[in-house]
Amino acid sequence: MMTHAYSQLYLNKASGAVGNMLHDAVEEFGVSGEDFLKRFIQSDIAEQFENGNPKYIAGKSGLELFLEVMERTTGESYTAELIESYERSRAYWVGWVLTHYQWYSGRTFKNILDTVSYDELIGLYGTLHEADVQKSYEVLDAHFMRSQSKLKTARKHCGLTQEALADASGVSLNTIRAYERKSKDLNKAQFDIVIRLAKALKCEVLELLD
């Protein structure tokens, strides 16, 4: 069973705030959605949501999040006043569904966006925005299933099973499975784990990182 970073009780608040943040960026301030989400990750605010920091998941408006992302990534202070009553724009939905899927899957925002781009998410809006959120989970899970991890590619190239790689590297079988299906991010693994996997697979560390 997946352990979530924070209670589902906060999910609507968190996903609404990220949705409003992205709406502000794209619709109110004319920032590219893809570029802004990179800033969101670069600012470490995405990580605050991933870790369930209550200050962020329940304590900030979309506008406050937007201003903080911009300040952290540009070094300049931003001020703006907007009435937070948004139409449910496509940008809003992307932020909303990203936050839901991050919570549901435990994947990082970066890992999700490296697999499904902002433009691809916008493209899903027409078919998914009125569907139950579970359908969005299924569609995004399918994207990850089609996107094979570099670890899995390297393991298959060496002709090893997951069990054989676990024996050769000393990394647990469950951990290897989680990295291969991308429910855990190998880029955030302890360095000695990546070293052991690379040594067992006779490859460079960078060949395993996405």
Protein backbone atom coordinates (compact mmCIF):
# COMPACT_ATOMS: atom_id res chain seq x y z
CA MET A 1 0.00 0.00 0.00
CA MET A 2 1.35 3.43 -0.97
CA THR A 3 2.31 5.68 1.95
CA HIS A 4 1.38 9.25 1.12
CA ALA A 5 3.36 12.28 2.28
CA TYR A 6 0.25 13.91 3.74
CA SER A 7 -3.36 13.13 4.53
CA GLN A 8 -5.95 13.10 1.76
CA LEU A 9 -7.79 15.69 3.85
CA TYR A 10 -5.29 18.28 2.57
CA LEU A 11 -5.25 17.13 -1.05
CA ASN A 12 -8.00 19.41 -2.36
CA LYS A 13 -6.38 22.42 -0.70
CA ALA A 14 -2.92 21.54 -2.03
CA SER A 15 -4.05 20.73 -5.57
CA GLY A 16 -6.22 23.85 -5.74
CA ALA A 17 -3.30 26.05 -4.66
CA VAL A 18 -0.94 24.57 -7.26
CA GLY A 19 -3.68 24.84 -9.88
CA ASN A 20 -4.22 28.50 -9.05
CA MET A 21 -0.45 29.09 -9.01
CA LEU A 22 -0.08 27.70 -12.53
CA HIS A 23 -3.15 29.58 -13.72
CA ASP A 24 -1.64 32.83 -12.44
CA ALA A 25 1.67 32.11 -14.12
CA VAL A 26 0.17 31.27 -17.51
CA GLU A 27 -3.08 33.22 -17.73
CA GLU A 28 -2.36 36.31 -15.63
CA PHE A 29 1.38 36.85 -16.10
CA GLY A 30 1.99 35.20 -19.48
CA VAL A 31 4.73 32.82 -18.32
CA SER A 32 5.20 29.61 -20.31
CA GLY A 33 3.66 26.73 -18.39
CA GLU A 34 6.62 24.47 -19.08
CA ASP A 35 9.13 27.14 -18.02
CA PHE A 36 7.19 27.97 -14.87
CA LEU A 37 6.99 24.35 -13.76
CA LYS A 38 10.76 24.13 -14.14
CA ARG A 39 10.99 27.15 -11.85
CA PHE A 40 8.57 25.48 -9.42
CA ILE A 41 10.96 22.52 -9.19
CA GLN A 42 14.11 24.68 -9.13
CA SER A 43 12.71 26.78 -6.28
CA ASP A 44 12.40 23.69 -4.02
CA ILE A 45 8.74 24.58 -3.41
CA ALA A 46 7.76 21.44 -5.32
CA GLU A 47 9.76 19.47 -2.77
CA GLN A 48 7.80 21.09 0.07
CA PHE A 49 4.62 19.63 -1.43
CA GLU A 50 6.28 16.25 -1.97
CA ASN A 51 7.27 16.20 1.72
CA GLY A 52 3.85 17.36 2.93
CA ASN A 53 5.05 20.59 4.53
CA PRO A 54 1.83 22.02 6.06
CA LYS A 55 3.01 25.60 5.44
CA TYR A 56 2.73 24.89 1.71
CA ILE A 57 0.04 22.24 1.31
CA ALA A 58 -2.47 24.15 3.42
CA GLY A 59 -1.05 27.56 4.16
CA LYS A 60 -0.47 29.44 0.91
CA SER A 61 -2.65 30.73 -1.90
CA GLY A 62 -1.86 30.18 -5.55
CA LEU A 63 -0.76 33.78 -5.91
CA GLU A 64 1.54 33.54 -2.89
CA LEU A 65 3.09 30.40 -4.36
CA PHE A 66 3.58 32.06 -7.75
CA LEU A 67 5.28 35.09 -6.21
CA GLU A 68 7.54 32.93 -4.03
CA VAL A 69 8.60 30.74 -6.97
CA MET A 70 9.48 33.81 -9.02
CA GLU A 71 11.36 35.46 -6.17
CA ARG A 72 13.37 32.35 -5.40
CA THR A 73 14.31 31.71 -9.03
CA THR A 74 15.02 35.27 -10.15
CA GLY A 75 16.32 36.83 -6.94
CA GLU A 76 13.88 39.70 -7.41
CA SER A 77 10.93 40.62 -5.22
CA TYR A 78 7.55 40.41 -6.91
CA THR A 79 4.30 41.91 -5.71
CA ALA A 80 0.88 41.57 -7.27
CA GLU A 81 -2.75 41.72 -6.31
CA LEU A 82 -5.28 39.39 -7.84
CA ILE A 83 -8.71 38.31 -6.75
CA GLU A 84 -8.44 34.54 -6.31
CA SER A 85 -11.61 33.55 -8.15
CA TYR A 86 -10.52 31.67 -11.19
CA GLU A 87 -12.19 30.07 -14.09
CA ARG A 88 -11.03 26.49 -14.29
CA SER A 89 -8.52 27.09 -17.06
CA ARG A 90 -6.48 24.34 -18.70
CA ALA A 91 -3.40 25.57 -16.81
CA TYR A 92 -5.33 25.31 -13.54
CA TRP A 93 -6.29 21.72 -14.36
CA VAL A 94 -2.67 20.77 -15.15
CA GLY A 95 -1.54 22.05 -11.74
CA TRP A 96 -4.48 20.34 -10.05
CA VAL A 97 -3.96 16.95 -11.69
CA LEU A 98 -0.17 17.10 -11.24
CA THR A 99 -0.58 17.57 -7.50
CA HIS A 100 -3.15 14.78 -7.28
CA TYR A 101 -0.90 12.41 -9.20
CA GLN A 102 2.19 13.36 -7.19
CA TRP A 103 0.30 12.61 -3.98
CA TYR A 104 -1.16 9.37 -5.34
CA SER A 105 2.07 8.01 -6.89
CA GLY A 106 4.75 9.34 -4.54
CA ARG A 107 6.79 10.32 -7.60
CA THR A 108 8.52 13.69 -7.64
CA PHE A 109 7.12 16.51 -9.74
CA LYS A 110 10.36 16.41 -11.76
CA ASN A 111 10.03 12.70 -12.39
CA ILE A 112 6.42 13.14 -13.54
CA LEU A 113 7.20 16.08 -15.83
CA ASP A 114 10.25 14.34 -17.28
CA THR A 115 7.86 11.58 -18.41
CA VAL A 116 4.73 13.61 -19.25
CA SER A 117 5.43 17.20 -20.36
CA TYR A 118 3.27 20.24 -19.66
CA ASP A 119 2.13 20.27 -23.29
CA GLU A 120 1.18 16.58 -23.10
CA LEU A 121 -0.84 17.27 -19.95
CA ILE A 122 -2.60 20.16 -21.68
CA GLY A 123 -3.41 17.70 -24.46
CA LEU A 124 -5.11 15.38 -21.94
CA TYR A 125 -7.38 18.15 -20.64
CA GLY A 126 -10.16 17.59 -23.18
CA THR A 127 -10.66 13.92 -22.33
CA LEU A 128 -9.84 13.92 -18.62
CA HIS A 129 -10.89 17.22 -17.01
CA GLU A 130 -14.47 16.08 -16.43
CA ALA A 131 -13.58 12.45 -15.64
CA ASP A 132 -13.04 10.98 -12.19
CA VAL A 133 -9.49 11.66 -11.02
CA GLN A 134 -8.87 7.90 -10.88
CA LYS A 135 -8.97 7.90 -14.69
CA SER A 136 -6.15 10.48 -14.73
CA TYR A 137 -4.12 8.23 -12.43
CA GLU A 138 -4.60 5.33 -14.83
CA VAL A 139 -3.60 7.37 -17.90
CA LEU A 140 -0.49 8.78 -16.22
CA ASP A 141 0.48 5.36 -14.85
CA ALA A 142 0.32 4.09 -18.43
CA HIS A 143 2.78 6.81 -19.53
CA PHE A 144 5.24 5.54 -16.93
CA MET A 145 4.75 1.94 -18.02
CA ARG A 146 5.68 2.94 -21.58
CA SER A 147 8.71 4.92 -20.42
CA GLN A 148 11.28 2.31 -19.42
CA SER A 149 13.73 3.33 -16.73
CA LYS A 150 17.44 3.51 -17.55
CA LEU A 151 18.08 1.01 -14.77
CA LYS A 152 15.79 -1.53 -16.42
CA THR A 153 17.39 -0.88 -19.82
CA ALA A 154 20.89 -1.41 -18.39
CA ARG A 155 19.84 -4.53 -16.50
CA LYS A 156 18.30 -6.11 -19.60
CA HIS A 157 21.41 -5.18 -21.62
CA CYS A 158 23.47 -7.18 -19.12
CA GLY A 159 21.06 -10.11 -19.30
CA LEU A 160 20.32 -9.99 -15.56
CA THR A 161 17.02 -10.63 -13.82
CA GLN A 162 15.96 -8.28 -11.03
CA GLU A 163 16.82 -11.05 -8.55
CA ALA A 164 20.31 -11.49 -10.03
CA LEU A 165 20.94 -7.75 -9.89
CA ALA A 166 19.83 -7.69 -6.25
CA ASP A 167 22.30 -10.50 -5.45
CA ALA A 168 25.15 -8.86 -7.38
CA SER A 169 24.64 -5.36 -6.00
CA GLY A 170 23.41 -6.00 -2.48
CA VAL A 171 20.46 -3.67 -3.16
CA SER A 172 17.15 -5.20 -2.10
CA LEU A 173 14.84 -6.69 -4.73
CA ASN A 174 11.93 -4.47 -3.65
CA THR A 175 14.11 -1.37 -4.00
CA ILE A 176 15.21 -2.36 -7.50
CA ARG A 177 11.59 -3.00 -8.49
CA ALA A 178 10.56 0.42 -7.15
CA TYR A 179 13.32 2.19 -9.11
CA GLU A 180 12.47 0.32 -12.31
CA ARG A 181 8.76 1.15 -12.18
CA LYS A 182 9.70 4.72 -11.14
CA SER A 183 7.64 4.74 -7.96
CA LYS A 184 10.95 5.73 -6.34
CA ASP A 185 13.36 8.20 -7.96
CA LEU A 186 16.85 6.74 -8.49
CA ASN A 187 18.17 10.28 -8.89
CA LYS A 188 17.40 10.80 -5.19
CA ALA A 189 18.88 7.51 -4.00
CA GLN A 190 21.81 7.34 -1.61
CA PHE A 191 24.94 7.55 -3.74
CA ASP A 192 26.31 4.21 -2.53
CA ILE A 193 23.17 2.48 -3.87
CA VAL A 194 23.72 3.96 -7.33
CA ILE A 195 27.42 3.04 -7.17
CA ARG A 196 26.62 -0.57 -6.28
CA LEU A 197 24.07 -0.86 -9.08
CA ALA A 198 26.46 0.67 -11.63
CA LYS A 199 29.26 -1.65 -10.54
CA ALA A 200 27.01 -4.71 -10.83
CA LEU A 201 25.86 -3.57 -14.28
CA LYS A 202 29.40 -2.60 -15.38
CA CYS A 203 28.33 0.89 -16.43
CA GLU A 204 28.83 4.52 -15.43
CA VAL A 205 26.62 6.05 -12.75
CA LEU A 206 25.28 8.66 -15.19
CA GLU A 207 24.03 5.89 -17.48
CA LEU A 208 21.48 4.95 -14.79
CA LEU A 209 20.18 8.42 -13.94
CA ASP A 210 17.26 10.02 -15.77
